[in-house]
Amino acid sequence: VGVVDLGGGSVQMAYAISKADAAK
């Protein structure tokens, strides 16, 4: 699953992508 974490000072988005997309 992907994650969006809204803290007080910053917001993070993280999710796994394919190796092909990572190369881009």
PDB file of all heavy atoms in Angstrom:
ATOM      1  N   VAL A   1       0.846  -1.194   0.000  1.00  0.00           N
ATOM      2  CA  VAL A   1       0.000   0.000   0.000  1.00  0.00           C
ATOM      3  C   VAL A   1       0.881   1.244   0.000  1.00  0.00           C
ATOM      4  O   VAL A   1       2.006   1.228   0.493  1.00  0.00           O
ATOM      5  CB  VAL A   1      -0.951   0.025   1.210  1.00  0.00           C
ATOM      6  CG1 VAL A   1      -1.815  -1.222   1.240  1.00  0.00           C
ATOM      7  CG2 VAL A   1      -0.182   0.166   2.531  1.00  0.00           C
ATOM      8  N   GLY A   2       0.350   2.321  -0.561  1.00  0.00           N
ATOM      9  CA  GLY A   2       1.032   3.605  -0.518  1.00  0.00           C
ATOM     10  C   GLY A   2       0.650   4.350   0.749  1.00  0.00           C
ATOM     11  O   GLY A   2      -0.376   4.059   1.375  1.00  0.00           O
ATOM     12  N   VAL A   3       1.469   5.330   1.132  1.00  0.00           N
ATOM     13  CA  VAL A   3       1.264   6.038   2.392  1.00  0.00           C
ATOM     14  C   VAL A   3       1.399   7.541   2.181  1.00  0.00           C
ATOM     15  O   VAL A   3       2.332   8.002   1.507  1.00  0.00           O
ATOM     16  CB  VAL A   3       2.294   5.568   3.453  1.00  0.00           C
ATOM     17  CG1 VAL A   3       2.197   6.429   4.708  1.00  0.00           C
ATOM     18  CG2 VAL A   3       2.082   4.101   3.792  1.00  0.00           C
ATOM     19  N   VAL A   4       0.466   8.298   2.742  1.00  0.00           N
ATOM     20  CA  VAL A   4       0.596   9.745   2.865  1.00  0.00           C
ATOM     21  C   VAL A   4       0.542  10.059   4.357  1.00  0.00           C
ATOM     22  O   VAL A   4      -0.426   9.700   5.035  1.00  0.00           O
ATOM     23  CB  VAL A   4      -0.521  10.503   2.125  1.00  0.00           C
ATOM     24  CG1 VAL A   4      -0.399  12.004   2.386  1.00  0.00           C
ATOM     25  CG2 VAL A   4      -0.452  10.224   0.626  1.00  0.00           C
ATOM     26  N   ASP A   5       1.567  10.703   4.868  1.00  0.00           N
ATOM     27  CA  ASP A   5       1.671  10.979   6.297  1.00  0.00           C
ATOM     28  C   ASP A   5       1.738  12.490   6.510  1.00  0.00           C
ATOM     29  O   ASP A   5       2.715  13.134   6.142  1.00  0.00           O
ATOM     30  CB  ASP A   5       2.925  10.297   6.864  1.00  0.00           C
ATOM     31  CG  ASP A   5       3.060  10.488   8.366  1.00  0.00           C
ATOM     32  OD1 ASP A   5       2.018  10.611   9.037  1.00  0.00           O
ATOM     33  OD2 ASP A   5       4.199  10.525   8.860  1.00  0.00           O
ATOM     34  N   LEU A   6       0.694  13.050   7.097  1.00  0.00           N
ATOM     35  CA  LEU A   6       0.619  14.489   7.324  1.00  0.00           C
ATOM     36  C   LEU A   6       1.029  14.814   8.753  1.00  0.00           C
ATOM     37  O   LEU A   6       0.262  14.623   9.697  1.00  0.00           O
ATOM     38  CB  LEU A   6      -0.802  14.997   7.053  1.00  0.00           C
ATOM     39  CG  LEU A   6      -1.028  16.494   7.225  1.00  0.00           C
ATOM     40  CD1 LEU A   6      -0.181  17.301   6.245  1.00  0.00           C
ATOM     41  CD2 LEU A   6      -2.509  16.842   7.073  1.00  0.00           C
ATOM     42  N   GLY A   7       2.249  15.287   8.915  1.00  0.00           N
ATOM     43  CA  GLY A   7       2.724  15.695  10.221  1.00  0.00           C
ATOM     44  C   GLY A   7       2.457  17.164  10.474  1.00  0.00           C
ATOM     45  O   GLY A   7       1.672  17.800   9.771  1.00  0.00           O
ATOM     46  N   GLY A   8       3.153  17.724  11.456  1.00  0.00           N
ATOM     47  CA  GLY A   8       2.965  19.132  11.762  1.00  0.00           C
ATOM     48  C   GLY A   8       3.749  20.046  10.840  1.00  0.00           C
ATOM     49  O   GLY A   8       3.256  21.079  10.399  1.00  0.00           O
ATOM     50  N   GLY A   9       5.001  19.642  10.526  1.00  0.00           N
ATOM     51  CA  GLY A   9       5.857  20.497   9.721  1.00  0.00           C
ATOM     52  C   GLY A   9       6.005  20.070   8.284  1.00  0.00           C
ATOM     53  O   GLY A   9       6.375  20.876   7.424  1.00  0.00           O
ATOM     54  N   SER A  10       5.734  18.798   7.972  1.00  0.00           N
ATOM     55  CA  SER A  10       5.916  18.315   6.605  1.00  0.00           C
ATOM     56  C   SER A  10       4.901  17.227   6.302  1.00  0.00           C
ATOM     57  O   SER A  10       4.275  16.658   7.202  1.00  0.00           O
ATOM     58  CB  SER A  10       7.338  17.770   6.411  1.00  0.00           C
ATOM     59  OG  SER A  10       7.565  16.644   7.253  1.00  0.00           O
ATOM     60  N   VAL A  11       4.747  16.944   5.021  1.00  0.00           N
ATOM     61  CA  VAL A  11       3.894  15.849   4.581  1.00  0.00           C
ATOM     62  C   VAL A  11       4.726  14.957   3.675  1.00  0.00           C
ATOM     63  O   VAL A  11       5.505  15.443   2.849  1.00  0.00           O
ATOM     64  CB  VAL A  11       2.624  16.357   3.863  1.00  0.00           C
ATOM     65  CG1 VAL A  11       2.952  17.194   2.645  1.00  0.00           C
ATOM     66  CG2 VAL A  11       1.713  15.186   3.476  1.00  0.00           C
ATOM     67  N   GLN A  12       4.594  13.657   3.843  1.00  0.00           N
ATOM     68  CA  GLN A  12       5.355  12.680   3.063  1.00  0.00           C
ATOM     69  C   GLN A  12       4.421  11.808   2.230  1.00  0.00           C
ATOM     70  O   GLN A  12       3.346  11.436   2.702  1.00  0.00           O
ATOM     71  CB  GLN A  12       6.175  11.749   3.955  1.00  0.00           C
ATOM     72  CG  GLN A  12       7.418  12.359   4.536  1.00  0.00           C
ATOM     73  CD  GLN A  12       7.114  13.338   5.646  1.00  0.00           C
ATOM     74  OE1 GLN A  12       7.565  14.474   5.605  1.00  0.00           O
ATOM     75  NE2 GLN A  12       6.346  12.910   6.634  1.00  0.00           N
ATOM     76  N   MET A  13       4.863  11.502   1.023  1.00  0.00           N
ATOM     77  CA  MET A  13       4.192  10.469   0.237  1.00  0.00           C
ATOM     78  C   MET A  13       5.222   9.395  -0.082  1.00  0.00           C
ATOM     79  O   MET A  13       6.353   9.709  -0.467  1.00  0.00           O
ATOM     80  CB  MET A  13       3.603  11.021  -1.061  1.00  0.00           C
ATOM     81  CG  MET A  13       3.053   9.914  -1.981  1.00  0.00           C
ATOM     82  SD  MET A  13       2.252  10.512  -3.481  1.00  0.00           S
ATOM     83  CE  MET A  13       0.577  10.738  -2.865  1.00  0.00           C
ATOM     84  N   ALA A  14       4.837   8.128   0.068  1.00  0.00           N
ATOM     85  CA  ALA A  14       5.732   7.014  -0.233  1.00  0.00           C
ATOM     86  C   ALA A  14       4.925   5.845  -0.777  1.00  0.00           C
ATOM     87  O   ALA A  14       3.869   5.516  -0.228  1.00  0.00           O
ATOM     88  CB  ALA A  14       6.502   6.583   1.017  1.00  0.00           C
ATOM     89  N   TYR A  15       5.425   5.255  -1.848  1.00  0.00           N
ATOM     90  CA  TYR A  15       4.806   4.042  -2.359  1.00  0.00           C
ATOM     91  C   TYR A  15       5.809   3.307  -3.239  1.00  0.00           C
ATOM     92  O   TYR A  15       6.735   3.907  -3.787  1.00  0.00           O
ATOM     93  CB  TYR A  15       3.506   4.331  -3.105  1.00  0.00           C
ATOM     94  CG  TYR A  15       3.624   5.140  -4.374  1.00  0.00           C
ATOM     95  CD1 TYR A  15       3.720   4.530  -5.624  1.00  0.00           C
ATOM     96  CD2 TYR A  15       3.615   6.529  -4.326  1.00  0.00           C
ATOM     97  CE1 TYR A  15       3.806   5.268  -6.785  1.00  0.00           C
ATOM     98  CE2 TYR A  15       3.703   7.293  -5.483  1.00  0.00           C
ATOM     99  CZ  TYR A  15       3.799   6.655  -6.713  1.00  0.00           C
ATOM    100  OH  TYR A  15       3.895   7.386  -7.871  1.00  0.00           O
ATOM    101  N   ALA A  16       5.620   1.995  -3.353  1.00  0.00           N
ATOM    102  CA  ALA A  16       6.538   1.171  -4.136  1.00  0.00           C
ATOM    103  C   ALA A  16       6.211   1.290  -5.621  1.00  0.00           C
ATOM    104  O   ALA A  16       5.033   1.303  -6.011  1.00  0.00           O
ATOM    105  CB  ALA A  16       6.447  -0.288  -3.692  1.00  0.00           C
ATOM    106  N   ILE A  17       7.246   1.397  -6.428  1.00  0.00           N
ATOM    107  CA  ILE A  17       7.071   1.502  -7.874  1.00  0.00           C
ATOM    108  C   ILE A  17       7.870   0.389  -8.562  1.00  0.00           C
ATOM    109  O   ILE A  17       8.705  -0.270  -7.937  1.00  0.00           O
ATOM    110  CB  ILE A  17       7.517   2.887  -8.398  1.00  0.00           C
ATOM    111  CG1 ILE A  17       9.010   3.127  -8.124  1.00  0.00           C
ATOM    112  CG2 ILE A  17       6.672   3.987  -7.771  1.00  0.00           C
ATOM    113  CD1 ILE A  17       9.530   4.446  -8.675  1.00  0.00           C
ATOM    114  N   SER A  18       7.603   0.197  -9.832  1.00  0.00           N
ATOM    115  CA  SER A  18       8.307  -0.841 -10.569  1.00  0.00           C
ATOM    116  C   SER A  18       9.752  -0.428 -10.822  1.00  0.00           C
ATOM    117  O   SER A  18      10.101   0.761 -10.755  1.00  0.00           O
ATOM    118  CB  SER A  18       7.609  -1.094 -11.911  1.00  0.00           C
ATOM    119  OG  SER A  18       7.755   0.036 -12.765  1.00  0.00           O
ATOM    120  N   LYS A  19      10.568  -1.396 -11.122  1.00  0.00           N
ATOM    121  CA  LYS A  19      11.972  -1.119 -11.431  1.00  0.00           C
ATOM    122  C   LYS A  19      12.082  -0.223 -12.657  1.00  0.00           C
ATOM    123  O   LYS A  19      12.946   0.656 -12.732  1.00  0.00           O
ATOM    124  CB  LYS A  19      12.720  -2.435 -11.657  1.00  0.00           C
ATOM    125  CG  LYS A  19      14.221  -2.274 -11.843  1.00  0.00           C
ATOM    126  CD  LYS A  19      14.902  -3.632 -11.957  1.00  0.00           C
ATOM    127  CE  LYS A  19      16.419  -3.464 -12.108  1.00  0.00           C
ATOM    128  NZ  LYS A  19      17.096  -4.794 -12.203  1.00  0.00           N
ATOM    129  N   ALA A  20      11.181  -0.428 -13.623  1.00  0.00           N
ATOM    130  CA  ALA A  20      11.198   0.381 -14.847  1.00  0.00           C
ATOM    131  C   ALA A  20      10.874   1.842 -14.540  1.00  0.00           C
ATOM    132  O   ALA A  20      11.520   2.764 -15.065  1.00  0.00           O
ATOM    133  CB  ALA A  20      10.200  -0.179 -15.854  1.00  0.00           C
ATOM    134  N   ASP A  21       9.875   2.085 -13.666  1.00  0.00           N
ATOM    135  CA  ASP A  21       9.545   3.462 -13.302  1.00  0.00           C
ATOM    136  C   ASP A  21      10.652   4.097 -12.472  1.00  0.00           C
ATOM    137  O   ASP A  21      10.916   5.299 -12.577  1.00  0.00           O
ATOM    138  CB  ASP A  21       8.229   3.506 -12.523  1.00  0.00           C
ATOM    139  CG  ASP A  21       7.013   3.381 -13.428  1.00  0.00           C
ATOM    140  OD1 ASP A  21       7.141   3.723 -14.624  1.00  0.00           O
ATOM    141  OD2 ASP A  21       5.955   2.945 -12.960  1.00  0.00           O
ATOM    142  N   ALA A  22      11.303   3.278 -11.640  1.00  0.00           N
ATOM    143  CA  ALA A  22      12.406   3.806 -10.828  1.00  0.00           C
ATOM    144  C   ALA A  22      13.534   4.311 -11.709  1.00  0.00           C
ATOM    145  O   ALA A  22      14.194   5.309 -11.391  1.00  0.00           O
ATOM    146  CB  ALA A  22      12.918   2.731  -9.871  1.00  0.00           C
ATOM    147  N   ALA A  23      13.742   3.631 -12.847  1.00  0.00           N
ATOM    148  CA  ALA A  23      14.813   4.039 -13.768  1.00  0.00           C
ATOM    149  C   ALA A  23      14.511   5.372 -14.436  1.00  0.00           C
ATOM    150  O   ALA A  23      15.418   6.044 -14.939  1.00  0.00           O
ATOM    151  CB  ALA A  23      15.013   2.961 -14.821  1.00  0.00           C
ATOM    152  N   LYS A  24      13.252   5.786 -14.422  1.00  0.00           N
ATOM    153  CA  LYS A  24      12.851   7.056 -15.039  1.00  0.00           C
ATOM    154  C   LYS A  24      12.895   8.232 -14.071  1.00  0.00           C
ATOM    155  O   LYS A  24      12.561   9.357 -14.453  1.00  0.00           O
ATOM    156  CB  LYS A  24      11.426   6.930 -15.596  1.00  0.00           C
ATOM    157  CG  LYS A  24      11.248   5.846 -16.643  1.00  0.00           C
ATOM    158  CD  LYS A  24       9.773   5.710 -17.010  1.00  0.00           C
ATOM    159  CE  LYS A  24       9.542   4.549 -17.963  1.00  0.00           C
ATOM    160  NZ  LYS A  24       8.091   4.353 -18.249  1.00  0.00           N
TER     161      LYS A  24
END
